Structures are given as C-alpha cells and as structure tokens.
Amino acid sequence: MQLIKMAWRNIWRNKVRSLAVMAAVFLGLVAGMYSAALVEGIMHSRFENFIENQISHIQIHHPDFIRENEVFQTVGGDMSGLESVQKIPGVNSATVRTRIQCMIASASHTGGVELYGIRPKSENQTTNFSRHLVEGDYLKGEANNGILIGESLAEKLKVGIGSRIVLSYQDKANNLVSGAFIVRGIFNSGFNRYDESTAFVFQDYLNEYLGIGEDFHELAVLAEDINDLESIRPALQQRFPESSVRTWNEIEPALEIMITSSDLFSYIFIILIMIGLAFGLLNTMLMAVFERTREIGMLMAVGMNRRKVFLLIAMETLFLSFSGAAIGLLVGYLLVAWFAKRGLDLSAFSDVMYELGVDAVVHPVLDPNFPLVLALIVIATALLSAIYPAIKALSLSPIEAIRK
C-alpha cells in the first residue's frame, strides 16, 4: 500500500509532463476506438448490402451454371419447391431467379447486362428490393414486359420511366431472341457497379421467351440468423441433391476476407498507436528516474530492495498510462455509441461510397470485447515501457546515487 501511495504521488511531481502523457494516451485510445468502429461499420454496411441486395446467405445452382452460365443449366422445379424451402427451420425467406447474360440497347447506347427474371413478391420478401426504387414502381400485376434498371444504367442508356429498350439473348435452344421492354422502375442499390450491370423483369415472362417453363437458375435463401447456415445447408442439399449449395462466403470469398481483415486492421492500428505511446512513456520514466537518482539511492540505502524499486517504477508507469486510458476508453465508448445511434454522414464522399457498395450514412460498430483488449494492450505497453527505466534504476549504486 505504501508503494502504491508513493507511486501515485511521484507521477504528479511534474504535472505538465504527466498530463501531456495522459493526454496522448487519451487521444490515442479515442482515435483508435473510433477508427476501428468506423472501419467495422463500413464493413458491416458493405456486408449487409451484399447479403440483402445480391447474394443472400445461401444460393443453389446447377453445378455447371456457376462456371458456364448456360440457359439450359437450370435447377428445375416449381413454386412448391420454393414453399418447401421456406418451411425449413431457420429460413427467413427464399426466392427463385432466372439469370442470363444479354445485350441491352436504347436509341443512344448498347451494352451488356445481367438480367434477372424474378417473382416480385418472394424477391421483395427476401431482399426488400422495392426500397431501392428512386423512380417509378416495383413490378406489379401479371407477368408483362416491364423492366427495372439501375440509376447508373439508366443514365448510360439515356432512358427514363416509360422508355422502351430492347434486350437480346439466347434461348434454351441457342436461338437469338430479342424482346422490347418498358422501363417501369429505376433503382439505386448503393453499389454503382451492380446498378450499371443489372436489370430485373418478370420471371414468367422471361422464362416463356427462354423456353424453360417453370425452371430457374438460382434459388436464394435468407436465414433468420447467420449462425444457422450450417444447419440449413444440409436440409437444402437433401432437397436438391443434384445441385450446388453454397453459403455467402463461398460465393464471395473476397467479402469474407475483407470482413475478417477489418478486425486485424483495427488491432494493427491500435498497436501502432501504442508503440508511439510506448516511446513517450519510456522517455518520461527515464527522465523521472534520472531526476530522482539521489532519492532512489537513498531509498535503496535505507533498505528498499531491488524488487520494490522495480515495482515502484512499474506502478508509476501503469498509473501514468491508465489515468489517461481509463478516460479515453470511456469517452471513446460513448463517442462510438453516439455515432452508432445517429450515424456518420459521409454523403460528401457519396461517389466513393457508391463505388464501394457502402451506405452514405455509416453507423460505427464496436466489438464488445474491443475495450477489454485495448485495456490489456495498454497494460502490456506500460509494463514493457517500464522495463528499461526500472533496469536503469536498479543499476544505480546507492552510495554513488546519494553523492549526486
């Protein structure tokens, strides 16, 4: 207890220097926590956009369709198959899609696009796609020649609601087929490349052109909880034994790498901050030892053993770093919580966010274990920073130290 009181008193001998170190620790932790939470929030937004808007949690395809994308490589089935999938425990919703590569043409532009034939009701239940519409209406009524296109694609084609565009593609027999479609809606998913290269039509209408009946190329499943995927997958594989059943991380391995690497980036960033602070602590404690050479010599002369001298220096370093760290962790947590609720508006960088597939308003996300890990890193940094100054103190000869 006496050592603790002595260590606490010693760090306030030079208030300006101690407060400067505490402020550095405080600012470093606040910046580190907020930066880590912001990166995690961006990755979370990107993940949700990809899962909800595009790939869902699980997809089912003909094994060869993944590589070749041929019209005849269908899963096969009807709506009764979709209904059986929706009854699997853990499944939130599911939808079937027809997918083909085709040419899209307007009066001023021609290009390639991936065309999805969808069932509007089940598609909206799975992806809530209608919320992305910025103009026009979602596909309504009986199957017709209505089409939904992305805002970026509409700008390229120079078309609007009610415009006529022509799609050209191959049917099941490899015959070239063309059809005229009317733009009924324009959407903005928040991902520029997706909006430039994707269009949606009624599945029944498209299947009739393709000659594939009620077959489909893709069945997308949205789970109630991402942790249920391993229990849902076997049930789907049993239902579709001849098909390929893949989870989101198999469909988009790059997305999984980005998400897992975001945590690594956060810890690397924090460690770099702590390395910088470690040199500040090291310098401060060395100065404190040199300024108190005579005092340390006297303490050793009157009986303070080397272990207690080492503990004294270590506790001073811990008190110095944790005084700033405790406030930094609290303020950092409150700051992240505030922005997590209100969101950080990055609409000034909307073009960049749109390219990345991230919402313009980002809500930082903080791992509940992150503050605890930060506290452990601060303790480790303080202890490592105390070693060299403590060794310097222990190397002092009591008699020579008292003479100084």
Protein backbone atom coordinates (compact mmCIF):
# COMPACT_ATOMS: atom_id res chain seq x y z
CA MET A 1 0.00 0.00 0.00
CA GLN A 2 2.89 2.34 0.81
CA LEU A 3 4.39 1.69 -2.63
CA ILE A 4 1.06 2.49 -4.31
CA LYS A 5 0.77 5.82 -2.48
CA MET A 6 4.39 6.66 -3.30
CA ALA A 7 3.94 5.78 -7.00
CA TRP A 8 0.78 7.88 -7.29
CA ARG A 9 2.44 10.85 -5.61
CA ASN A 10 5.52 10.59 -7.82
CA ILE A 11 3.64 10.91 -11.13
CA TRP A 12 2.30 14.31 -10.01
CA ARG A 13 5.70 15.78 -9.23
CA ASN A 14 5.84 17.14 -12.77
CA LYS A 15 2.20 17.81 -13.57
CA VAL A 16 2.72 19.28 -17.03
CA ARG A 17 4.76 16.32 -18.25
CA SER A 18 2.40 13.76 -16.72
CA LEU A 19 -0.69 15.47 -18.11
CA ALA A 20 0.90 15.60 -21.56
CA VAL A 21 1.50 11.83 -21.48
CA MET A 22 -2.02 11.17 -20.17
CA ALA A 23 -3.48 13.37 -22.93
CA ALA A 24 -1.51 11.45 -25.54
CA VAL A 25 -2.82 8.13 -24.21
CA PHE A 26 -6.35 9.54 -24.03
CA LEU A 27 -6.34 10.87 -27.61
CA GLY A 28 -4.67 7.75 -28.96
CA LEU A 29 -7.29 5.43 -27.48
CA VAL A 30 -10.24 7.61 -28.51
CA ALA A 31 -8.91 7.84 -32.07
CA GLY A 32 -8.12 4.13 -32.12
CA MET A 33 -11.52 3.04 -30.82
CA TYR A 34 -13.43 5.33 -33.15
CA SER A 35 -11.34 4.41 -36.21
CA ALA A 36 -11.76 0.70 -35.51
CA ALA A 37 -15.51 1.09 -35.00
CA LEU A 38 -15.81 3.16 -38.20
CA VAL A 39 -13.96 0.55 -40.28
CA GLU A 40 -16.12 -2.17 -38.76
CA GLY A 41 -19.22 -0.11 -39.54
CA ILE A 42 -18.18 0.30 -43.18
CA MET A 43 -17.53 -3.43 -43.50
CA HIS A 44 -20.86 -4.17 -41.80
CA SER A 45 -22.68 -1.87 -44.23
CA ARG A 46 -20.95 -3.46 -47.21
CA PHE A 47 -21.76 -6.95 -45.91
CA GLU A 48 -25.43 -6.14 -45.37
CA ASN A 49 -25.74 -4.58 -48.82
CA PHE A 50 -24.20 -7.62 -50.49
CA ILE A 51 -26.22 -10.11 -48.48
CA GLU A 52 -29.57 -8.36 -48.60
CA ASN A 53 -29.39 -6.92 -52.12
CA GLN A 54 -27.48 -9.54 -54.07
CA ILE A 55 -26.31 -12.91 -52.82
CA SER A 56 -28.42 -13.63 -49.69
CA HIS A 57 -26.99 -16.18 -47.24
CA ILE A 58 -27.21 -19.31 -49.38
CA GLN A 59 -27.59 -19.89 -53.12
CA ILE A 60 -28.47 -23.03 -55.07
CA HIS A 61 -27.43 -23.54 -58.71
CA HIS A 62 -26.91 -26.23 -61.30
CA PRO A 63 -23.29 -27.34 -60.69
CA ASP A 64 -22.15 -26.24 -64.17
CA PHE A 65 -24.08 -22.95 -64.19
CA ILE A 66 -21.56 -21.40 -61.76
CA ARG A 67 -18.81 -21.68 -64.40
CA GLU A 68 -20.66 -21.63 -67.73
CA ASN A 69 -23.91 -19.67 -67.21
CA GLU A 70 -25.77 -21.54 -69.94
CA VAL A 71 -29.54 -21.05 -70.24
CA PHE A 72 -30.30 -24.77 -70.14
CA GLN A 73 -28.36 -25.31 -66.88
CA THR A 74 -31.36 -24.90 -64.60
CA VAL A 75 -32.14 -26.25 -61.16
CA GLY A 76 -35.65 -27.21 -62.16
CA GLY A 77 -38.76 -27.13 -60.05
CA ASP A 78 -41.81 -25.06 -59.34
CA MET A 79 -43.28 -22.92 -56.58
CA SER A 80 -43.98 -25.97 -54.41
CA GLY A 81 -40.21 -26.43 -54.15
CA LEU A 82 -39.81 -22.84 -53.01
CA GLU A 83 -42.53 -23.29 -50.42
CA SER A 84 -40.81 -26.39 -49.02
CA VAL A 85 -37.57 -24.41 -48.66
CA GLN A 86 -39.34 -21.66 -46.73
CA LYS A 87 -40.57 -24.24 -44.23
CA ILE A 88 -37.02 -25.36 -43.30
CA PRO A 89 -36.24 -24.31 -39.68
CA GLY A 90 -34.03 -21.22 -39.63
CA VAL A 91 -35.05 -19.98 -43.09
CA ASN A 92 -36.45 -16.47 -43.06
CA SER A 93 -37.37 -16.25 -46.75
CA ALA A 94 -36.39 -17.59 -50.15
CA THR A 95 -36.85 -16.72 -53.80
CA VAL A 96 -36.08 -18.22 -57.21
CA ARG A 97 -34.50 -16.36 -60.13
CA THR A 98 -33.75 -16.84 -63.78
CA ARG A 99 -30.32 -15.41 -64.70
CA ILE A 100 -28.95 -14.73 -68.17
CA GLN A 101 -26.35 -12.54 -69.82
CA CYS A 102 -27.79 -10.33 -72.53
CA MET A 103 -27.36 -7.19 -74.59
CA ILE A 104 -29.40 -4.14 -73.71
CA ALA A 105 -29.98 -1.35 -76.21
CA SER A 106 -31.65 2.02 -76.31
CA ALA A 107 -31.66 4.66 -79.02
CA SER A 108 -28.30 6.00 -77.82
CA HIS A 109 -26.39 3.16 -76.16
CA THR A 110 -25.77 -0.57 -76.31
CA GLY A 111 -24.07 -2.68 -73.65
CA GLY A 112 -24.04 -5.90 -71.66
CA VAL A 113 -26.20 -6.57 -68.62
CA GLU A 114 -27.07 -9.44 -66.31
CA LEU A 115 -30.80 -9.95 -66.50
CA TYR A 116 -32.73 -11.44 -63.59
CA GLY A 117 -36.17 -12.92 -64.01
CA ILE A 118 -37.79 -12.61 -60.58
CA ARG A 119 -41.00 -13.38 -58.76
CA PRO A 120 -41.76 -9.90 -57.36
CA LYS A 121 -43.41 -11.00 -54.10
CA SER A 122 -40.83 -13.56 -52.93
CA GLU A 123 -37.96 -11.40 -54.19
CA ASN A 124 -39.14 -8.45 -52.16
CA GLN A 125 -39.61 -10.65 -49.08
CA THR A 126 -36.01 -11.86 -49.42
CA THR A 127 -34.18 -8.68 -50.46
CA ASN A 128 -36.71 -5.92 -49.71
CA PHE A 129 -35.71 -4.74 -53.15
CA SER A 130 -38.56 -2.26 -53.61
CA ARG A 131 -36.97 0.07 -51.05
CA HIS A 132 -34.22 0.89 -53.56
CA LEU A 133 -36.60 2.34 -56.13
CA VAL A 134 -35.95 6.02 -56.78
CA GLU A 135 -38.38 6.40 -59.68
CA GLY A 136 -41.41 4.50 -60.94
CA ASP A 137 -42.94 1.40 -59.40
CA TYR A 138 -41.94 -2.09 -58.44
CA LEU A 139 -43.04 -4.86 -60.83
CA LYS A 140 -46.79 -5.20 -60.37
CA GLY A 141 -49.68 -7.19 -61.75
CA GLU A 142 -49.47 -10.16 -64.10
CA ALA A 143 -46.30 -11.02 -66.00
CA ASN A 144 -45.64 -8.36 -68.61
CA ASN A 145 -42.74 -6.65 -70.36
CA GLY A 146 -41.93 -4.24 -67.52
CA ILE A 147 -38.27 -3.90 -66.52
CA LEU A 148 -36.36 -2.41 -63.57
CA ILE A 149 -32.91 -0.93 -64.26
CA GLY A 150 -30.26 0.74 -62.13
CA GLU A 151 -29.92 4.50 -61.99
CA SER A 152 -26.39 4.35 -63.42
CA LEU A 153 -27.56 2.15 -66.29
CA ALA A 154 -30.49 4.49 -66.98
CA GLU A 155 -28.05 7.39 -67.30
CA LYS A 156 -25.91 5.44 -69.74
CA LEU A 157 -28.91 4.41 -71.82
CA LYS A 158 -30.40 7.92 -71.51
CA VAL A 159 -33.81 6.50 -70.68
CA GLY A 160 -36.46 7.15 -68.05
CA ILE A 161 -39.78 5.79 -66.85
CA GLY A 162 -41.87 4.66 -69.82
CA SER A 163 -38.89 4.39 -72.19
CA ARG A 164 -38.64 1.39 -74.49
CA ILE A 165 -35.45 -0.69 -74.54
CA VAL A 166 -34.54 -3.88 -76.39
CA LEU A 167 -32.94 -6.97 -74.85
CA SER A 168 -31.21 -9.64 -76.95
CA TYR A 169 -30.27 -13.07 -75.60
CA GLN A 170 -30.11 -16.77 -76.42
CA ASP A 171 -32.95 -19.13 -75.54
CA LYS A 172 -32.68 -22.74 -74.39
CA ALA A 173 -32.17 -23.93 -77.99
CA ASN A 174 -29.37 -21.36 -78.53
CA ASN A 175 -31.53 -19.25 -80.82
CA LEU A 176 -31.04 -15.48 -80.65
CA VAL A 177 -34.15 -13.85 -79.21
CA SER A 178 -34.96 -10.16 -78.88
CA GLY A 179 -37.70 -8.52 -76.89
CA ALA A 180 -38.91 -4.99 -76.24
CA PHE A 181 -39.33 -3.94 -72.60
CA ILE A 182 -40.78 -0.84 -70.96
CA VAL A 183 -38.88 0.79 -68.08
CA ARG A 184 -41.25 0.67 -65.09
CA GLY A 185 -38.80 1.48 -62.31
CA ILE A 186 -35.30 2.81 -61.66
CA PHE A 187 -33.39 1.68 -58.57
CA ASN A 188 -30.30 2.70 -56.65
CA SER A 189 -28.89 -0.12 -54.51
CA GLY A 190 -25.93 1.90 -53.26
CA PHE A 191 -23.43 -0.10 -55.32
CA ASN A 192 -22.50 1.54 -58.61
CA ARG A 193 -21.14 -1.50 -60.46
CA TYR A 194 -24.21 -3.54 -59.58
CA ASP A 195 -26.60 -0.82 -60.74
CA GLU A 196 -24.72 -0.42 -64.02
CA SER A 197 -24.90 -4.08 -64.94
CA THR A 198 -28.18 -5.45 -63.55
CA ALA A 199 -31.82 -5.42 -64.66
CA PHE A 200 -34.97 -7.21 -63.45
CA VAL A 201 -38.04 -8.49 -65.29
CA PHE A 202 -40.93 -10.84 -64.53
CA GLN A 203 -39.65 -14.42 -64.34
CA ASP A 204 -42.67 -15.96 -66.03
CA TYR A 205 -42.39 -13.52 -68.93
CA LEU A 206 -38.65 -14.17 -69.37
CA ASN A 207 -38.99 -17.95 -68.98
CA GLU A 208 -41.52 -18.02 -71.78
CA TYR A 209 -39.01 -16.36 -74.10
CA LEU A 210 -36.26 -18.72 -72.98
CA GLY A 211 -38.40 -21.84 -73.25
CA ILE A 212 -37.53 -23.20 -69.79
CA GLY A 213 -41.05 -23.41 -68.32
CA GLU A 214 -41.03 -23.08 -64.51
CA ASP A 215 -37.34 -23.93 -64.14
CA PHE A 216 -34.92 -21.45 -62.60
CA HIS A 217 -31.17 -20.86 -62.40
CA GLU A 218 -30.85 -19.66 -58.83
CA LEU A 219 -32.56 -20.17 -55.51
CA ALA A 220 -31.54 -17.59 -52.89
CA VAL A 221 -32.15 -18.20 -49.19
CA LEU A 222 -32.08 -15.61 -46.41
CA ALA A 223 -31.59 -17.11 -42.94
CA GLU A 224 -33.04 -15.75 -39.71
CA ASP A 225 -29.57 -15.91 -38.16
CA ILE A 226 -26.25 -16.20 -39.97
CA ASN A 227 -25.17 -18.77 -37.38
CA ASP A 228 -27.91 -21.14 -38.62
CA LEU A 229 -26.36 -21.63 -42.07
CA GLU A 230 -24.62 -24.89 -41.24
CA SER A 231 -27.90 -26.43 -40.10
CA ILE A 232 -29.88 -25.09 -43.09
CA ARG A 233 -27.38 -26.19 -45.70
CA PRO A 234 -27.75 -29.99 -45.21
CA ALA A 235 -31.53 -29.68 -45.45
CA LEU A 236 -31.21 -27.79 -48.73
CA GLN A 237 -28.70 -30.28 -50.08
CA GLN A 238 -31.10 -33.09 -49.28
CA ARG A 239 -33.91 -31.21 -51.04
CA PHE A 240 -31.71 -30.52 -54.12
CA PRO A 241 -29.21 -33.44 -54.22
CA GLU A 242 -28.03 -32.77 -57.78
CA SER A 243 -27.43 -29.05 -57.25
CA SER A 244 -24.63 -26.95 -55.80
CA VAL A 245 -25.49 -25.41 -52.41
CA ARG A 246 -23.12 -22.61 -51.41
CA THR A 247 -23.04 -20.19 -48.48
CA TRP A 248 -22.23 -16.49 -48.86
CA ASN A 249 -18.53 -16.89 -48.04
CA GLU A 250 -18.15 -19.48 -50.79
CA ILE A 251 -19.96 -17.28 -53.27
CA GLU A 252 -17.96 -14.16 -52.37
CA PRO A 253 -14.70 -15.26 -50.67
CA ALA A 254 -13.26 -11.77 -51.16
CA LEU A 255 -16.04 -10.36 -48.98
CA GLU A 256 -15.18 -12.77 -46.17
CA ILE A 257 -11.51 -11.80 -46.40
CA MET A 258 -12.41 -8.11 -46.19
CA ILE A 259 -14.60 -8.65 -43.13
CA THR A 260 -12.08 -10.79 -41.25
CA SER A 261 -9.19 -8.49 -42.18
CA SER A 262 -11.04 -5.44 -40.81
CA ASP A 263 -10.52 -6.75 -37.25
CA LEU A 264 -6.84 -7.35 -37.98
CA PHE A 265 -6.52 -3.83 -39.38
CA SER A 266 -8.09 -2.39 -36.23
CA TYR A 267 -5.67 -4.17 -33.92
CA ILE A 268 -2.67 -3.28 -36.09
CA PHE A 269 -3.74 0.38 -35.99
CA ILE A 270 -4.08 0.27 -32.20
CA ILE A 271 -0.72 -1.45 -31.78
CA LEU A 272 0.97 1.22 -33.92
CA ILE A 273 -0.57 3.91 -31.71
CA MET A 274 0.60 2.07 -28.60
CA ILE A 275 4.13 1.74 -29.98
CA GLY A 276 4.26 5.52 -30.38
CA LEU A 277 2.91 5.99 -26.86
CA ALA A 278 5.38 3.45 -25.51
CA PHE A 279 8.29 5.65 -26.56
CA GLY A 280 6.62 8.60 -24.85
CA LEU A 281 6.19 6.60 -21.64
CA LEU A 282 9.75 5.30 -21.88
CA ASN A 283 11.17 8.80 -22.27
CA THR A 284 9.03 10.17 -19.43
CA MET A 285 10.01 7.43 -16.99
CA LEU A 286 13.71 7.68 -17.91
CA MET A 287 13.58 11.40 -17.17
CA ALA A 288 11.82 10.68 -13.88
CA VAL A 289 14.49 8.14 -12.88
CA PHE A 290 17.37 10.49 -13.76
CA GLU A 291 15.74 13.38 -11.88
CA ARG A 292 15.31 11.20 -8.79
CA THR A 293 18.66 9.45 -8.83
CA ARG A 294 19.58 10.73 -5.34
CA GLU A 295 16.16 9.84 -3.95
CA ILE A 296 16.24 6.31 -5.35
CA GLY A 297 19.76 5.85 -3.96
CA MET A 298 18.57 6.90 -0.51
CA LEU A 299 15.60 4.52 -0.66
CA MET A 300 17.90 1.65 -1.55
CA ALA A 301 20.34 2.71 1.19
CA VAL A 302 17.65 2.61 3.89
CA GLY A 303 16.52 -0.88 2.93
CA MET A 304 14.24 -0.79 -0.12
CA ASN A 305 15.14 -3.91 -2.04
CA ARG A 306 15.50 -4.15 -5.82
CA ARG A 307 12.11 -5.87 -6.26
CA LYS A 308 10.30 -2.94 -4.62
CA VAL A 309 12.24 -0.42 -6.70
CA PHE A 310 11.22 -2.28 -9.83
CA LEU A 311 7.57 -2.39 -8.67
CA LEU A 312 7.67 1.34 -7.86
CA ILE A 313 8.78 2.24 -11.40
CA ALA A 314 6.29 -0.22 -12.95
CA MET A 315 3.38 1.15 -10.89
CA GLU A 316 4.28 4.74 -11.77
CA THR A 317 4.21 3.79 -15.46
CA LEU A 318 0.90 1.96 -15.06
CA PHE A 319 -0.70 4.87 -13.18
CA LEU A 320 0.60 7.33 -15.78
CA SER A 321 -0.80 5.36 -18.72
CA PHE A 322 -4.03 4.16 -17.13
CA SER A 323 -5.03 7.60 -15.86
CA GLY A 324 -5.37 8.66 -19.49
CA ALA A 325 -6.52 5.25 -20.72
CA ALA A 326 -9.49 4.97 -18.35
CA ILE A 327 -10.93 8.30 -19.51
CA GLY A 328 -10.00 7.51 -23.12
CA LEU A 329 -11.84 4.18 -23.05
CA LEU A 330 -14.93 5.77 -21.52
CA VAL A 331 -15.02 8.75 -23.91
CA GLY A 332 -14.23 6.51 -26.89
CA TYR A 333 -17.06 4.14 -25.99
CA LEU A 334 -19.56 6.99 -25.54
CA LEU A 335 -18.46 8.61 -28.81
CA VAL A 336 -18.89 5.36 -30.74
CA ALA A 337 -22.27 4.73 -29.08
CA TRP A 338 -23.47 8.21 -30.02
CA PHE A 339 -22.47 7.87 -33.69
CA ALA A 340 -23.73 4.27 -33.79
CA LYS A 341 -27.18 5.60 -32.94
CA ARG A 342 -27.16 8.71 -35.13
CA GLY A 343 -24.80 7.58 -37.89
CA LEU A 344 -21.90 9.40 -39.53
CA ASP A 345 -22.98 11.22 -42.69
CA LEU A 346 -20.39 10.65 -45.40
CA SER A 347 -22.58 11.89 -48.23
CA ALA A 348 -19.80 14.32 -49.18
CA PHE A 349 -17.95 11.21 -50.35
CA SER A 350 -21.05 9.57 -51.81
CA ASP A 351 -19.35 8.81 -55.15
CA VAL A 352 -16.64 6.79 -53.40
CA MET A 353 -19.13 5.10 -51.06
CA TYR A 354 -21.35 4.27 -54.04
CA GLU A 355 -18.42 2.56 -55.78
CA LEU A 356 -17.68 0.50 -52.67
CA GLY A 357 -21.28 -0.52 -52.08
CA VAL A 358 -21.46 1.26 -48.71
CA ASP A 359 -24.30 3.45 -47.43
CA ALA A 360 -23.64 7.20 -47.31
CA VAL A 361 -24.55 7.19 -43.60
CA VAL A 362 -22.27 4.80 -41.71
CA HIS A 363 -23.08 3.52 -38.22
CA PRO A 364 -19.86 2.61 -36.36
CA VAL A 365 -19.85 -0.88 -34.84
CA LEU A 366 -17.72 -1.73 -31.82
CA ASP A 367 -16.90 -5.28 -30.84
CA PRO A 368 -17.95 -5.70 -27.16
CA ASN A 369 -14.58 -7.29 -26.40
CA PHE A 370 -12.57 -4.49 -28.02
CA PRO A 371 -12.35 -2.16 -24.95
CA LEU A 372 -11.14 -5.08 -22.82
CA VAL A 373 -8.49 -5.97 -25.40
CA LEU A 374 -7.46 -2.30 -25.51
CA ALA A 375 -7.08 -2.24 -21.72
CA LEU A 376 -4.83 -5.32 -21.88
CA ILE A 377 -2.76 -3.72 -24.65
CA VAL A 378 -2.33 -0.58 -22.52
CA ILE A 379 -1.19 -2.68 -19.54
CA ALA A 380 1.27 -4.60 -21.72
CA THR A 381 2.57 -1.36 -23.23
CA ALA A 382 3.03 0.23 -19.81
CA LEU A 383 4.87 -2.79 -18.40
CA LEU A 384 7.17 -3.03 -21.41
CA SER A 385 7.85 0.71 -21.23
CA ALA A 386 8.75 0.37 -17.53
CA ILE A 387 11.40 -2.33 -18.00
CA TYR A 388 14.27 -0.17 -19.26
CA PRO A 389 13.78 2.72 -16.79
CA ALA A 390 13.48 0.17 -13.96
CA ILE A 391 16.70 -1.52 -15.06
CA LYS A 392 18.41 1.88 -15.06
CA ALA A 393 17.13 2.49 -11.53
CA LEU A 394 18.31 -0.93 -10.33
CA SER A 395 21.77 -0.37 -11.82
CA LEU A 396 22.33 2.63 -9.57
CA SER A 397 24.81 2.25 -6.73
CA PRO A 398 23.22 3.63 -3.53
CA ILE A 399 26.42 5.37 -2.40
CA GLU A 400 27.13 6.94 -5.79
CA ALA A 401 23.49 7.92 -6.22
CA ILE A 402 23.40 9.71 -2.87
CA ARG A 403 26.53 11.73 -3.80
CA LYS A 404 24.85 13.07 -6.96
